[in-house]
Amino acid sequence: TKATLELRSPRGGIPRPIDVDIVVKVPPSPQADLKRQYKNLLAEIEETKPKLRQLEVLQSELTSMQKAYHDLKEQALRMSIEQDAQKSQIDDEIQKLKISNQD
């Protein structure tokens, strides 16, 4: 706010006008502060959305890799069991041949 004051000398005389600026500081209302905080939070949310999407993609890829690893582990176990069974069968055949050769 602008105002004009007139200063008079104590001895009398002509009053001199002086222009002054009056600044009144009013503390911000709690509502204004809450609105500012709300806007800041919305901005932060918008900034984190791309990172969240990236994390979702990485989580999906990790889940796929874990499933593939689990499937490979099961396949390796089945192959190992089959291999052990074949080895046992071959050992049995060799034993039978040794016994039949001794006769």
Protein backbone atom coordinates (compact mmCIF):
# COMPACT_ATOMS: atom_id res chain seq x y z
CA THR A 1 0.00 0.00 0.00
CA LYS A 2 1.22 3.45 -0.78
CA ALA A 3 0.48 6.47 1.37
CA THR A 4 1.54 10.09 1.59
CA LEU A 5 2.45 11.51 4.97
CA GLU A 6 2.92 15.16 5.80
CA LEU A 7 5.81 16.00 8.07
CA ARG A 8 5.74 19.29 10.00
CA SER A 9 8.62 20.74 11.76
CA PRO A 10 8.14 21.35 15.52
CA ARG A 11 8.76 25.03 14.90
CA GLY A 12 5.94 25.21 12.41
CA GLY A 13 6.50 25.81 8.78
CA ILE A 14 5.30 24.28 5.62
CA PRO A 15 4.35 20.63 5.79
CA ARG A 16 6.40 18.47 3.45
CA PRO A 17 4.72 15.45 1.83
CA ILE A 18 6.64 12.17 1.89
CA ASP A 19 5.55 9.12 -0.07
CA VAL A 20 5.95 5.86 1.83
CA ASP A 21 5.28 2.21 1.09
CA ILE A 22 3.49 0.34 3.84
CA VAL A 23 4.07 -3.40 3.90
CA VAL A 24 1.88 -5.52 6.10
CA LYS A 25 3.06 -9.07 6.55
CA VAL A 26 0.28 -11.54 7.20
CA PRO A 27 1.23 -15.05 8.18
CA PRO A 28 0.07 -17.62 5.65
CA SER A 29 -3.13 -19.34 6.56
CA PRO A 30 -2.93 -23.02 7.46
CA GLN A 31 -5.14 -23.74 4.46
CA ALA A 32 -2.69 -22.04 2.09
CA ASP A 33 0.17 -24.04 3.60
CA LEU A 34 -1.79 -27.27 3.17
CA LYS A 35 -2.56 -26.40 -0.45
CA ARG A 36 1.14 -25.79 -1.09
CA GLN A 37 2.07 -29.11 0.52
CA TYR A 38 -0.64 -30.87 -1.50
CA LYS A 39 0.68 -29.39 -4.76
CA ASN A 40 4.23 -30.42 -3.82
CA LEU A 41 3.08 -33.97 -3.09
CA LEU A 42 1.23 -34.18 -6.40
CA ALA A 43 4.39 -33.03 -8.17
CA GLU A 44 6.43 -35.70 -6.37
CA ILE A 45 3.89 -38.36 -7.32
CA GLU A 46 4.11 -37.32 -10.97
CA GLU A 47 7.92 -37.47 -10.79
CA THR A 48 7.86 -41.00 -9.34
CA LYS A 49 5.35 -42.48 -11.81
CA PRO A 50 7.97 -43.28 -14.50
CA LYS A 51 10.19 -44.90 -11.88
CA LEU A 52 7.23 -46.94 -10.62
CA ARG A 53 6.44 -48.12 -14.15
CA GLN A 54 10.10 -49.08 -14.60
CA LEU A 55 10.02 -51.03 -11.33
CA GLU A 56 6.85 -52.85 -12.45
CA VAL A 57 8.57 -53.88 -15.71
CA LEU A 58 11.65 -55.07 -13.80
CA GLN A 59 9.45 -57.01 -11.35
CA SER A 60 7.69 -58.71 -14.26
CA GLU A 61 11.02 -59.61 -15.88
CA LEU A 62 12.33 -60.95 -12.57
CA THR A 63 9.22 -63.11 -12.13
CA SER A 64 9.66 -64.51 -15.65
CA MET A 65 13.34 -65.26 -14.98
CA GLN A 66 12.50 -66.97 -11.68
CA LYS A 67 9.91 -69.16 -13.42
CA ALA A 68 12.37 -70.04 -16.20
CA TYR A 69 15.02 -70.91 -13.58
CA HIS A 70 12.54 -73.09 -11.67
CA ASP A 71 11.52 -74.87 -14.91
CA LEU A 72 15.17 -75.50 -15.85
CA LYS A 73 15.90 -76.81 -12.37
CA GLU A 74 12.98 -79.27 -12.62
CA GLN A 75 14.10 -80.35 -16.08
CA ALA A 76 17.67 -80.93 -14.83
CA LEU A 77 16.34 -83.00 -11.92
CA ARG A 78 14.21 -85.15 -14.28
CA MET A 79 17.18 -85.64 -16.62
CA SER A 80 19.39 -86.60 -13.68
CA ILE A 81 16.83 -89.16 -12.49
CA GLU A 82 16.49 -90.58 -16.02
CA GLN A 83 20.26 -90.72 -16.36
CA ASP A 84 20.60 -92.52 -13.02
CA ALA A 85 17.89 -95.00 -14.10
CA GLN A 86 19.66 -95.64 -17.43
CA LYS A 87 23.00 -96.09 -15.65
CA SER A 88 21.42 -98.54 -13.24
CA GLN A 89 19.85 -100.42 -16.14
CA ILE A 90 23.22 -100.55 -17.95
CA ASP A 91 24.94 -101.75 -14.76
CA ASP A 92 22.29 -104.49 -14.42
CA GLU A 93 22.84 -105.57 -18.04
CA ILE A 94 26.62 -105.64 -17.51
CA GLN A 95 26.15 -107.73 -14.36
CA LYS A 96 23.88 -110.19 -16.24
CA LEU A 97 26.45 -110.47 -19.04
CA LYS A 98 29.23 -111.14 -16.54
CA ILE A 99 27.16 -113.85 -14.87
CA SER A 100 26.21 -115.44 -18.22
CA ASN A 101 29.86 -115.33 -19.37
CA GLN A 102 30.94 -117.16 -16.22
CA ASP A 103 28.57 -120.02 -16.99
